[in-house]
Amino acid sequence: CISRSGGFTSYVDSVKSRFTISRDNAKNTVTLQMNSLKPEDT
């Protein structure tokens, strides 16, 4: 999850260091970058 300002983020332990959440309020979008994906991420 990500706060409205983008200044606070939180991750479940199983995705920490692999996933990154970000937001672009100008584009009205939020992105979840997922790296090093595992079958259990399905």
ModelCIF file with pLDDT and N, C-alpha, C, O atoms, coordinates in Angstrom:
data_MODEL
#
_entry.id   MODEL 
#
_entity.id                         1 
_entity.type                       polymer 
_entity.pdbx_number_of_molecules   1 
#
_entity_poly.entity_id                      1 
_entity_poly.type                           'polypeptide(L)' 
_entity_poly.nstd_linkage                   no 
_entity_poly.nstd_monomer                   no 
_entity_poly.pdbx_seq_one_letter_code       CISRSGGFTSYVDSVKSRFTISRDNAKNTVTLQMNSLKPEDT 
_entity_poly.pdbx_seq_one_letter_code_can   CISRSGGFTSYVDSVKSRFTISRDNAKNTVTLQMNSLKPEDT 
_entity_poly.pdbx_strand_id                 A 
#
loop_
_entity_poly_seq.entity_id 
_entity_poly_seq.num 
_entity_poly_seq.mon_id 
_entity_poly_seq.hetero 
1 1  CYS n 
1 2  ILE n 
1 3  SER n 
1 4  ARG n 
1 5  SER n 
1 6  GLY n 
1 7  GLY n 
1 8  PHE n 
1 9  THR n 
1 10 SER n 
1 11 TYR n 
1 12 VAL n 
1 13 ASP n 
1 14 SER n 
1 15 VAL n 
1 16 LYS n 
1 17 SER n 
1 18 ARG n 
1 19 PHE n 
1 20 THR n 
1 21 ILE n 
1 22 SER n 
1 23 ARG n 
1 24 ASP n 
1 25 ASN n 
1 26 ALA n 
1 27 LYS n 
1 28 ASN n 
1 29 THR n 
1 30 VAL n 
1 31 THR n 
1 32 LEU n 
1 33 GLN n 
1 34 MET n 
1 35 ASN n 
1 36 SER n 
1 37 LEU n 
1 38 LYS n 
1 39 PRO n 
1 40 GLU n 
1 41 ASP n 
1 42 THR n 
#
_struct_asym.id          A 
_struct_asym.entity_id   1 
#
loop_
_ma_qa_metric.id 
_ma_qa_metric.mode 
_ma_qa_metric.name 
_ma_qa_metric.software_group_id 
_ma_qa_metric.type 
1 global pLDDT . pLDDT 
2 local  pLDDT . pLDDT 
#
_ma_qa_metric_global.metric_id      1 
_ma_qa_metric_global.metric_value   96.26 
_ma_qa_metric_global.model_id       1 
_ma_qa_metric_global.ordinal_id     1 
#
loop_
_ma_qa_metric_local.label_asym_id 
_ma_qa_metric_local.label_comp_id 
_ma_qa_metric_local.label_seq_id 
_ma_qa_metric_local.metric_id 
_ma_qa_metric_local.metric_value 
_ma_qa_metric_local.model_id 
_ma_qa_metric_local.ordinal_id 
A CYS 1  2 98.00 1 1  
A ILE 2  2 97.00 1 2  
A SER 3  2 95.00 1 3  
A ARG 4  2 92.00 1 4  
A SER 5  2 90.00 1 5  
A GLY 6  2 92.00 1 6  
A GLY 7  2 93.00 1 7  
A PHE 8  2 96.00 1 8  
A THR 9  2 97.00 1 9  
A SER 10 2 97.00 1 10 
A TYR 11 2 98.00 1 11 
A VAL 12 2 97.00 1 12 
A ASP 13 2 97.00 1 13 
A SER 14 2 97.00 1 14 
A VAL 15 2 98.00 1 15 
A LYS 16 2 97.00 1 16 
A SER 17 2 96.00 1 17 
A ARG 18 2 98.00 1 18 
A PHE 19 2 98.00 1 19 
A THR 20 2 98.00 1 20 
A ILE 21 2 98.00 1 21 
A SER 22 2 97.00 1 22 
A ARG 23 2 96.00 1 23 
A ASP 24 2 94.00 1 24 
A ASN 25 2 90.00 1 25 
A ALA 26 2 91.00 1 26 
A LYS 27 2 94.00 1 27 
A ASN 28 2 95.00 1 28 
A THR 29 2 96.00 1 29 
A VAL 30 2 97.00 1 30 
A THR 31 2 98.00 1 31 
A LEU 32 2 98.00 1 32 
A GLN 33 2 98.00 1 33 
A MET 34 2 98.00 1 34 
A ASN 35 2 98.00 1 35 
A SER 36 2 98.00 1 36 
A LEU 37 2 98.00 1 37 
A LYS 38 2 98.00 1 38 
A PRO 39 2 97.00 1 39 
A GLU 40 2 97.00 1 40 
A ASP 41 2 98.00 1 41 
A THR 42 2 98.00 1 42 
#
loop_
_atom_site.group_PDB 
_atom_site.id 
_atom_site.type_symbol 
_atom_site.label_atom_id 
_atom_site.label_alt_id 
_atom_site.label_comp_id 
_atom_site.label_asym_id 
_atom_site.label_entity_id 
_atom_site.label_seq_id 
_atom_site.pdbx_PDB_ins_code 
_atom_site.Cartn_x 
_atom_site.Cartn_y 
_atom_site.Cartn_z 
_atom_site.occupancy 
_atom_site.B_iso_or_equiv 
_atom_site.pdbx_formal_charge 
_atom_site.auth_seq_id 
_atom_site.auth_comp_id 
_atom_site.auth_asym_id 
_atom_site.auth_atom_id 
_atom_site.pdbx_PDB_model_num 
ATOM 1   N N  . CYS A 1 1  ? 0.849  -1.195  0.000   1.00 98.00 ? 1  CYS A N  1 
ATOM 2   C CA . CYS A 1 1  ? 0.000  0.000   0.000   1.00 98.00 ? 1  CYS A CA 1 
ATOM 3   C C  . CYS A 1 1  ? 0.878  1.236   0.000   1.00 98.00 ? 1  CYS A C  1 
ATOM 4   O O  . CYS A 1 1  ? 2.063  1.180   0.329   1.00 98.00 ? 1  CYS A O  1 
ATOM 5   N N  . ILE A 1 2  ? 0.269  2.362   -0.379  1.00 97.00 ? 2  ILE A N  1 
ATOM 6   C CA . ILE A 1 2  ? 0.999  3.624   -0.456  1.00 97.00 ? 2  ILE A CA 1 
ATOM 7   C C  . ILE A 1 2  ? 0.081  4.738   0.014   1.00 97.00 ? 2  ILE A C  1 
ATOM 8   O O  . ILE A 1 2  ? -1.102 4.771   -0.325  1.00 97.00 ? 2  ILE A O  1 
ATOM 9   N N  . SER A 1 3  ? 0.638  5.645   0.792   1.00 95.00 ? 3  SER A N  1 
ATOM 10  C CA . SER A 1 3  ? -0.142 6.757   1.311   1.00 95.00 ? 3  SER A CA 1 
ATOM 11  C C  . SER A 1 3  ? -0.474 7.741   0.198   1.00 95.00 ? 3  SER A C  1 
ATOM 12  O O  . SER A 1 3  ? 0.062  7.646   -0.906  1.00 95.00 ? 3  SER A O  1 
ATOM 13  N N  . ARG A 1 4  ? -1.344 8.666   0.488   1.00 92.00 ? 4  ARG A N  1 
ATOM 14  C CA . ARG A 1 4  ? -1.786 9.606   -0.536  1.00 92.00 ? 4  ARG A CA 1 
ATOM 15  C C  . ARG A 1 4  ? -0.636 10.457  -1.069  1.00 92.00 ? 4  ARG A C  1 
ATOM 16  O O  . ARG A 1 4  ? -0.626 10.836  -2.240  1.00 92.00 ? 4  ARG A O  1 
ATOM 17  N N  . SER A 1 5  ? 0.314  10.749  -0.216  1.00 90.00 ? 5  SER A N  1 
ATOM 18  C CA . SER A 1 5  ? 1.442  11.570  -0.652  1.00 90.00 ? 5  SER A CA 1 
ATOM 19  C C  . SER A 1 5  ? 2.528  10.737  -1.324  1.00 90.00 ? 5  SER A C  1 
ATOM 20  O O  . SER A 1 5  ? 3.395  11.273  -2.015  1.00 90.00 ? 5  SER A O  1 
ATOM 21  N N  . GLY A 1 6  ? 2.474  9.433   -1.118  1.00 92.00 ? 6  GLY A N  1 
ATOM 22  C CA . GLY A 1 6  ? 3.551  8.571   -1.614  1.00 92.00 ? 6  GLY A CA 1 
ATOM 23  C C  . GLY A 1 6  ? 4.713  8.457   -0.653  1.00 92.00 ? 6  GLY A C  1 
ATOM 24  O O  . GLY A 1 6  ? 5.674  7.735   -0.921  1.00 92.00 ? 6  GLY A O  1 
ATOM 25  N N  . GLY A 1 7  ? 4.638  9.162   0.467   1.00 93.00 ? 7  GLY A N  1 
ATOM 26  C CA . GLY A 1 7  ? 5.749  9.175   1.396   1.00 93.00 ? 7  GLY A CA 1 
ATOM 27  C C  . GLY A 1 7  ? 5.816  7.974   2.320   1.00 93.00 ? 7  GLY A C  1 
ATOM 28  O O  . GLY A 1 7  ? 6.827  7.758   2.987   1.00 93.00 ? 7  GLY A O  1 
ATOM 29  N N  . PHE A 1 8  ? 4.752  7.197   2.363   1.00 96.00 ? 8  PHE A N  1 
ATOM 30  C CA . PHE A 1 8  ? 4.734  6.000   3.207   1.00 96.00 ? 8  PHE A CA 1 
ATOM 31  C C  . PHE A 1 8  ? 4.298  4.822   2.362   1.00 96.00 ? 8  PHE A C  1 
ATOM 32  O O  . PHE A 1 8  ? 3.292  4.889   1.657   1.00 96.00 ? 8  PHE A O  1 
ATOM 33  N N  . THR A 1 9  ? 5.055  3.746   2.436   1.00 97.00 ? 9  THR A N  1 
ATOM 34  C CA . THR A 1 9  ? 4.708  2.514   1.741   1.00 97.00 ? 9  THR A CA 1 
ATOM 35  C C  . THR A 1 9  ? 4.848  1.329   2.695   1.00 97.00 ? 9  THR A C  1 
ATOM 36  O O  . THR A 1 9  ? 5.571  1.390   3.690   1.00 97.00 ? 9  THR A O  1 
ATOM 37  N N  . SER A 1 10 ? 4.151  0.273   2.371   1.00 97.00 ? 10 SER A N  1 
ATOM 38  C CA . SER A 1 10 ? 4.215  -0.932  3.192   1.00 97.00 ? 10 SER A CA 1 
ATOM 39  C C  . SER A 1 10 ? 4.110  -2.146  2.285   1.00 97.00 ? 10 SER A C  1 
ATOM 40  O O  . SER A 1 10 ? 3.446  -2.106  1.249   1.00 97.00 ? 10 SER A O  1 
ATOM 41  N N  . TYR A 1 11 ? 4.781  -3.243  2.691   1.00 98.00 ? 11 TYR A N  1 
ATOM 42  C CA . TYR A 1 11 ? 4.789  -4.466  1.897   1.00 98.00 ? 11 TYR A CA 1 
ATOM 43  C C  . TYR A 1 11 ? 4.595  -5.671  2.817   1.00 98.00 ? 11 TYR A C  1 
ATOM 44  O O  . TYR A 1 11 ? 5.057  -5.682  3.959   1.00 98.00 ? 11 TYR A O  1 
ATOM 45  N N  . VAL A 1 12 ? 3.916  -6.667  2.304   1.00 97.00 ? 12 VAL A N  1 
ATOM 46  C CA . VAL A 1 12 ? 3.861  -7.936  3.023   1.00 97.00 ? 12 VAL A CA 1 
ATOM 47  C C  . VAL A 1 12 ? 5.255  -8.560  2.951   1.00 97.00 ? 12 VAL A C  1 
ATOM 48  O O  . VAL A 1 12 ? 5.979  -8.368  1.974   1.00 97.00 ? 12 VAL A O  1 
ATOM 49  N N  . ASP A 1 13 ? 5.622  -9.301  3.983   1.00 97.00 ? 13 ASP A N  1 
ATOM 50  C CA . ASP A 1 13 ? 6.988  -9.819  4.083   1.00 97.00 ? 13 ASP A CA 1 
ATOM 51  C C  . ASP A 1 13 ? 7.409  -10.625 2.850   1.00 97.00 ? 13 ASP A C  1 
ATOM 52  O O  . ASP A 1 13 ? 8.567  -10.569 2.436   1.00 97.00 ? 13 ASP A O  1 
ATOM 53  N N  . SER A 1 14 ? 6.476  -11.368 2.268   1.00 97.00 ? 14 SER A N  1 
ATOM 54  C CA . SER A 1 14 ? 6.829  -12.265 1.162   1.00 97.00 ? 14 SER A CA 1 
ATOM 55  C C  . SER A 1 14 ? 7.238  -11.543 -0.114  1.00 97.00 ? 14 SER A C  1 
ATOM 56  O O  . SER A 1 14 ? 7.799  -12.169 -1.013  1.00 97.00 ? 14 SER A O  1 
ATOM 57  N N  . VAL A 1 15 ? 6.970  -10.236 -0.219  1.00 98.00 ? 15 VAL A N  1 
ATOM 58  C CA . VAL A 1 15 ? 7.332  -9.510  -1.440  1.00 98.00 ? 15 VAL A CA 1 
ATOM 59  C C  . VAL A 1 15 ? 8.359  -8.416  -1.197  1.00 98.00 ? 15 VAL A C  1 
ATOM 60  O O  . VAL A 1 15 ? 8.808  -7.762  -2.139  1.00 98.00 ? 15 VAL A O  1 
ATOM 61  N N  . LYS A 1 16 ? 8.731  -8.216  0.051   1.00 97.00 ? 16 LYS A N  1 
ATOM 62  C CA . LYS A 1 16 ? 9.718  -7.169  0.354   1.00 97.00 ? 16 LYS A CA 1 
ATOM 63  C C  . LYS A 1 16 ? 10.998 -7.414  -0.429  1.00 97.00 ? 16 LYS A C  1 
ATOM 64  O O  . LYS A 1 16 ? 11.439 -8.556  -0.560  1.00 97.00 ? 16 LYS A O  1 
ATOM 65  N N  . SER A 1 17 ? 11.575 -6.388  -0.931  1.00 96.00 ? 17 SER A N  1 
ATOM 66  C CA . SER A 1 17 ? 12.799 -6.345  -1.742  1.00 96.00 ? 17 SER A CA 1 
ATOM 67  C C  . SER A 1 17 ? 12.563 -6.822  -3.164  1.00 96.00 ? 17 SER A C  1 
ATOM 68  O O  . SER A 1 17 ? 13.469 -6.735  -3.992  1.00 96.00 ? 17 SER A O  1 
ATOM 69  N N  . ARG A 1 18 ? 11.365 -7.329  -3.476  1.00 98.00 ? 18 ARG A N  1 
ATOM 70  C CA . ARG A 1 18 ? 11.068 -7.765  -4.852  1.00 98.00 ? 18 ARG A CA 1 
ATOM 71  C C  . ARG A 1 18 ? 10.059 -6.845  -5.542  1.00 98.00 ? 18 ARG A C  1 
ATOM 72  O O  . ARG A 1 18 ? 10.148 -6.612  -6.748  1.00 98.00 ? 18 ARG A O  1 
ATOM 73  N N  . PHE A 1 19 ? 9.100  -6.326  -4.773  1.00 98.00 ? 19 PHE A N  1 
ATOM 74  C CA . PHE A 1 19 ? 8.054  -5.479  -5.333  1.00 98.00 ? 19 PHE A CA 1 
ATOM 75  C C  . PHE A 1 19 ? 8.275  -4.034  -4.898  1.00 98.00 ? 19 PHE A C  1 
ATOM 76  O O  . PHE A 1 19 ? 8.786  -3.768  -3.810  1.00 98.00 ? 19 PHE A O  1 
ATOM 77  N N  . THR A 1 20 ? 7.882  -3.109  -5.768  1.00 98.00 ? 20 THR A N  1 
ATOM 78  C CA . THR A 1 20 ? 7.956  -1.690  -5.445  1.00 98.00 ? 20 THR A CA 1 
ATOM 79  C C  . THR A 1 20 ? 6.668  -0.999  -5.876  1.00 98.00 ? 20 THR A C  1 
ATOM 80  O O  . THR A 1 20 ? 6.249  -1.104  -7.029  1.00 98.00 ? 20 THR A O  1 
ATOM 81  N N  . ILE A 1 21 ? 6.056  -0.303  -4.950  1.00 98.00 ? 21 ILE A N  1 
ATOM 82  C CA . ILE A 1 21 ? 4.838  0.450   -5.253  1.00 98.00 ? 21 ILE A CA 1 
ATOM 83  C C  . ILE A 1 21 ? 5.201  1.926   -5.418  1.00 98.00 ? 21 ILE A C  1 
ATOM 84  O O  . ILE A 1 21 ? 6.059  2.446   -4.705  1.00 98.00 ? 21 ILE A O  1 
ATOM 85  N N  . SER A 1 22 ? 4.550  2.585   -6.353  1.00 97.00 ? 22 SER A N  1 
ATOM 86  C CA . SER A 1 22 ? 4.780  4.008   -6.558  1.00 97.00 ? 22 SER A CA 1 
ATOM 87  C C  . SER A 1 22 ? 3.510  4.636   -7.109  1.00 97.00 ? 22 SER A C  1 
ATOM 88  O O  . SER A 1 22 ? 2.604  3.938   -7.566  1.00 97.00 ? 22 SER A O  1 
ATOM 89  N N  . ARG A 1 23 ? 3.456  5.937   -7.062  1.00 96.00 ? 23 ARG A N  1 
ATOM 90  C CA . ARG A 1 23 ? 2.277  6.618   -7.587  1.00 96.00 ? 23 ARG A CA 1 
ATOM 91  C C  . ARG A 1 23 ? 2.690  7.875   -8.331  1.00 96.00 ? 23 ARG A C  1 
ATOM 92  O O  . ARG A 1 23 ? 3.698  8.509   -8.018  1.00 96.00 ? 23 ARG A O  1 
ATOM 93  N N  . ASP A 1 24 ? 1.886  8.212   -9.318  1.00 94.00 ? 24 ASP A N  1 
ATOM 94  C CA . ASP A 1 24 ? 2.073  9.436   -10.092 1.00 94.00 ? 24 ASP A CA 1 
ATOM 95  C C  . ASP A 1 24 ? 0.724  10.139  -10.078 1.00 94.00 ? 24 ASP A C  1 
ATOM 96  O O  . ASP A 1 24 ? -0.146 9.851   -10.899 1.00 94.00 ? 24 ASP A O  1 
ATOM 97  N N  . ASN A 1 25 ? 0.559  11.052  -9.149  1.00 90.00 ? 25 ASN A N  1 
ATOM 98  C CA . ASN A 1 25 ? -0.748 11.707  -9.011  1.00 90.00 ? 25 ASN A CA 1 
ATOM 99  C C  . ASN A 1 25 ? -1.081 12.558  -10.240 1.00 90.00 ? 25 ASN A C  1 
ATOM 100 O O  . ASN A 1 25 ? -2.255 12.761  -10.549 1.00 90.00 ? 25 ASN A O  1 
ATOM 101 N N  . ALA A 1 26 ? -0.084 13.044  -10.925 1.00 91.00 ? 26 ALA A N  1 
ATOM 102 C CA . ALA A 1 26 ? -0.344 13.825  -12.131 1.00 91.00 ? 26 ALA A CA 1 
ATOM 103 C C  . ALA A 1 26 ? -0.976 12.970  -13.227 1.00 91.00 ? 26 ALA A C  1 
ATOM 104 O O  . ALA A 1 26 ? -1.781 13.449  -14.025 1.00 91.00 ? 26 ALA A O  1 
ATOM 105 N N  . LYS A 1 27 ? -0.587 11.674  -13.247 1.00 94.00 ? 27 LYS A N  1 
ATOM 106 C CA . LYS A 1 27 ? -1.143 10.751  -14.238 1.00 94.00 ? 27 LYS A CA 1 
ATOM 107 C C  . LYS A 1 27 ? -2.313 9.950   -13.676 1.00 94.00 ? 27 LYS A C  1 
ATOM 108 O O  . LYS A 1 27 ? -2.942 9.159   -14.379 1.00 94.00 ? 27 LYS A O  1 
ATOM 109 N N  . ASN A 1 28 ? -2.594 10.179  -12.371 1.00 95.00 ? 28 ASN A N  1 
ATOM 110 C CA . ASN A 1 28 ? -3.715 9.491   -11.732 1.00 95.00 ? 28 ASN A CA 1 
ATOM 111 C C  . ASN A 1 28 ? -3.554 7.974   -11.767 1.00 95.00 ? 28 ASN A C  1 
ATOM 112 O O  . ASN A 1 28 ? -4.516 7.236   -11.984 1.00 95.00 ? 28 ASN A O  1 
ATOM 113 N N  . THR A 1 29 ? -2.315 7.523   -11.548 1.00 96.00 ? 29 THR A N  1 
ATOM 114 C CA . THR A 1 29 ? -2.030 6.093   -11.593 1.00 96.00 ? 29 THR A CA 1 
ATOM 115 C C  . THR A 1 29 ? -1.152 5.666   -10.425 1.00 96.00 ? 29 THR A C  1 
ATOM 116 O O  . THR A 1 29 ? -0.416 6.463   -9.845  1.00 96.00 ? 29 THR A O  1 
ATOM 117 N N  . VAL A 1 30 ? -1.255 4.392   -10.104 1.00 97.00 ? 30 VAL A N  1 
ATOM 118 C CA . VAL A 1 30 ? -0.378 3.758   -9.125  1.00 97.00 ? 30 VAL A CA 1 
ATOM 119 C C  . VAL A 1 30 ? 0.194  2.511   -9.788  1.00 97.00 ? 30 VAL A C  1 
ATOM 120 O O  . VAL A 1 30 ? -0.514 1.785   -10.486 1.00 97.00 ? 30 VAL A O  1 
ATOM 121 N N  . THR A 1 31 ? 1.468  2.276   -9.564  1.00 98.00 ? 31 THR A N  1 
ATOM 122 C CA . THR A 1 31 ? 2.167  1.188   -10.221 1.00 98.00 ? 31 THR A CA 1 
ATOM 123 C C  . THR A 1 31 ? 2.742  0.223   -9.192  1.00 98.00 ? 31 THR A C  1 
ATOM 124 O O  . THR A 1 31 ? 3.192  0.626   -8.120  1.00 98.00 ? 31 THR A O  1 
ATOM 125 N N  . LEU A 1 32 ? 2.718  -1.047  -9.542  1.00 98.00 ? 32 LEU A N  1 
ATOM 126 C CA . LEU A 1 32 ? 3.366  -2.072  -8.724  1.00 98.00 ? 32 LEU A CA 1 
ATOM 127 C C  . LEU A 1 32 ? 4.382  -2.784  -9.610  1.00 98.00 ? 32 LEU A C  1 
ATOM 128 O O  . LEU A 1 32 ? 4.016  -3.565  -10.488 1.00 98.00 ? 32 LEU A O  1 
ATOM 129 N N  . GLN A 1 33 ? 5.651  -2.509  -9.372  1.00 98.00 ? 33 GLN A N  1 
ATOM 130 C CA . GLN A 1 33 ? 6.720  -3.173  -10.105 1.00 98.00 ? 33 GLN A CA 1 
ATOM 131 C C  . GLN A 1 33 ? 7.051  -4.466  -9.380  1.00 98.00 ? 33 GLN A C  1 
ATOM 132 O O  . GLN A 1 33 ? 7.385  -4.453  -8.195  1.00 98.00 ? 33 GLN A O  1 
ATOM 133 N N  . MET A 1 34 ? 6.959  -5.576  -10.087 1.00 98.00 ? 34 MET A N  1 
ATOM 134 C CA . MET A 1 34 ? 7.182  -6.893  -9.481  1.00 98.00 ? 34 MET A CA 1 
ATOM 135 C C  . MET A 1 34 ? 8.371  -7.566  -10.158 1.00 98.00 ? 34 MET A C  1 
ATOM 136 O O  . MET A 1 34 ? 8.322  -7.879  -11.347 1.00 98.00 ? 34 MET A O  1 
ATOM 137 N N  . ASN A 1 35 ? 9.423  -7.785  -9.402  1.00 98.00 ? 35 ASN A N  1 
ATOM 138 C CA . ASN A 1 35 ? 10.631 -8.432  -9.902  1.00 98.00 ? 35 ASN A CA 1 
ATOM 139 C C  . ASN A 1 35 ? 10.841 -9.777  -9.214  1.00 98.00 ? 35 ASN A C  1 
ATOM 140 O O  . ASN A 1 35 ? 10.234 -10.068 -8.184  1.00 98.00 ? 35 ASN A O  1 
ATOM 141 N N  . SER A 1 36 ? 11.699 -10.575 -9.795  1.00 98.00 ? 36 SER A N  1 
ATOM 142 C CA . SER A 1 36 ? 12.047 -11.887 -9.218  1.00 98.00 ? 36 SER A CA 1 
ATOM 143 C C  . SER A 1 36 ? 10.792 -12.676 -8.847  1.00 98.00 ? 36 SER A C  1 
ATOM 144 O O  . SER A 1 36 ? 10.678 -13.212 -7.745  1.00 98.00 ? 36 SER A O  1 
ATOM 145 N N  . LEU A 1 37 ? 9.874  -12.732 -9.776  1.00 98.00 ? 37 LEU A N  1 
ATOM 146 C CA . LEU A 1 37 ? 8.591  -13.372 -9.503  1.00 98.00 ? 37 LEU A CA 1 
ATOM 147 C C  . LEU A 1 37 ? 8.745  -14.861 -9.245  1.00 98.00 ? 37 LEU A C  1 
ATOM 148 O O  . LEU A 1 37 ? 9.610  -15.527 -9.815  1.00 98.00 ? 37 LEU A O  1 
ATOM 149 N N  . LYS A 1 38 ? 7.886  -15.360 -8.375  1.00 98.00 ? 38 LYS A N  1 
ATOM 150 C CA . LYS A 1 38 ? 7.897  -16.762 -7.978  1.00 98.00 ? 38 LYS A CA 1 
ATOM 151 C C  . LYS A 1 38 ? 6.535  -17.391 -8.283  1.00 98.00 ? 38 LYS A C  1 
ATOM 152 O O  . LYS A 1 38 ? 5.536  -16.676 -8.365  1.00 98.00 ? 38 LYS A O  1 
ATOM 153 N N  . PRO A 1 39 ? 6.479  -18.694 -8.450  1.00 97.00 ? 39 PRO A N  1 
ATOM 154 C CA . PRO A 1 39 ? 5.181  -19.335 -8.707  1.00 97.00 ? 39 PRO A CA 1 
ATOM 155 C C  . PRO A 1 39 ? 4.136  -19.002 -7.644  1.00 97.00 ? 39 PRO A C  1 
ATOM 156 O O  . PRO A 1 39 ? 2.947  -18.922 -7.952  1.00 97.00 ? 39 PRO A O  1 
ATOM 157 N N  . GLU A 1 40 ? 4.559  -18.809 -6.422  1.00 97.00 ? 40 GLU A N  1 
ATOM 158 C CA . GLU A 1 40 ? 3.606  -18.492 -5.354  1.00 97.00 ? 40 GLU A CA 1 
ATOM 159 C C  . GLU A 1 40 ? 3.044  -17.076 -5.438  1.00 97.00 ? 40 GLU A C  1 
ATOM 160 O O  . GLU A 1 40 ? 2.159  -16.708 -4.665  1.00 97.00 ? 40 GLU A O  1 
ATOM 161 N N  . ASP A 1 41 ? 3.556  -16.283 -6.377  1.00 98.00 ? 41 ASP A N  1 
ATOM 162 C CA . ASP A 1 41 ? 2.979  -14.951 -6.624  1.00 98.00 ? 41 ASP A CA 1 
ATOM 163 C C  . ASP A 1 41 ? 1.775  -15.028 -7.557  1.00 98.00 ? 41 ASP A C  1 
ATOM 164 O O  . ASP A 1 41 ? 1.099  -14.024 -7.781  1.00 98.00 ? 41 ASP A O  1 
ATOM 165 N N  . THR A 1 42 ? 1.504  -16.202 -8.098  1.00 98.00 ? 42 THR A N  1 
ATOM 166 C CA . THR A 1 42 ? 0.378  -16.368 -9.008  1.00 98.00 ? 42 THR A CA 1 
ATOM 167 C C  . THR A 1 42 ? -0.940 -16.074 -8.291  1.00 98.00 ? 42 THR A C  1 
ATOM 168 O O  . THR A 1 42 ? -2.007 -16.162 -8.899  1.00 98.00 ? 42 THR A O  1 
#
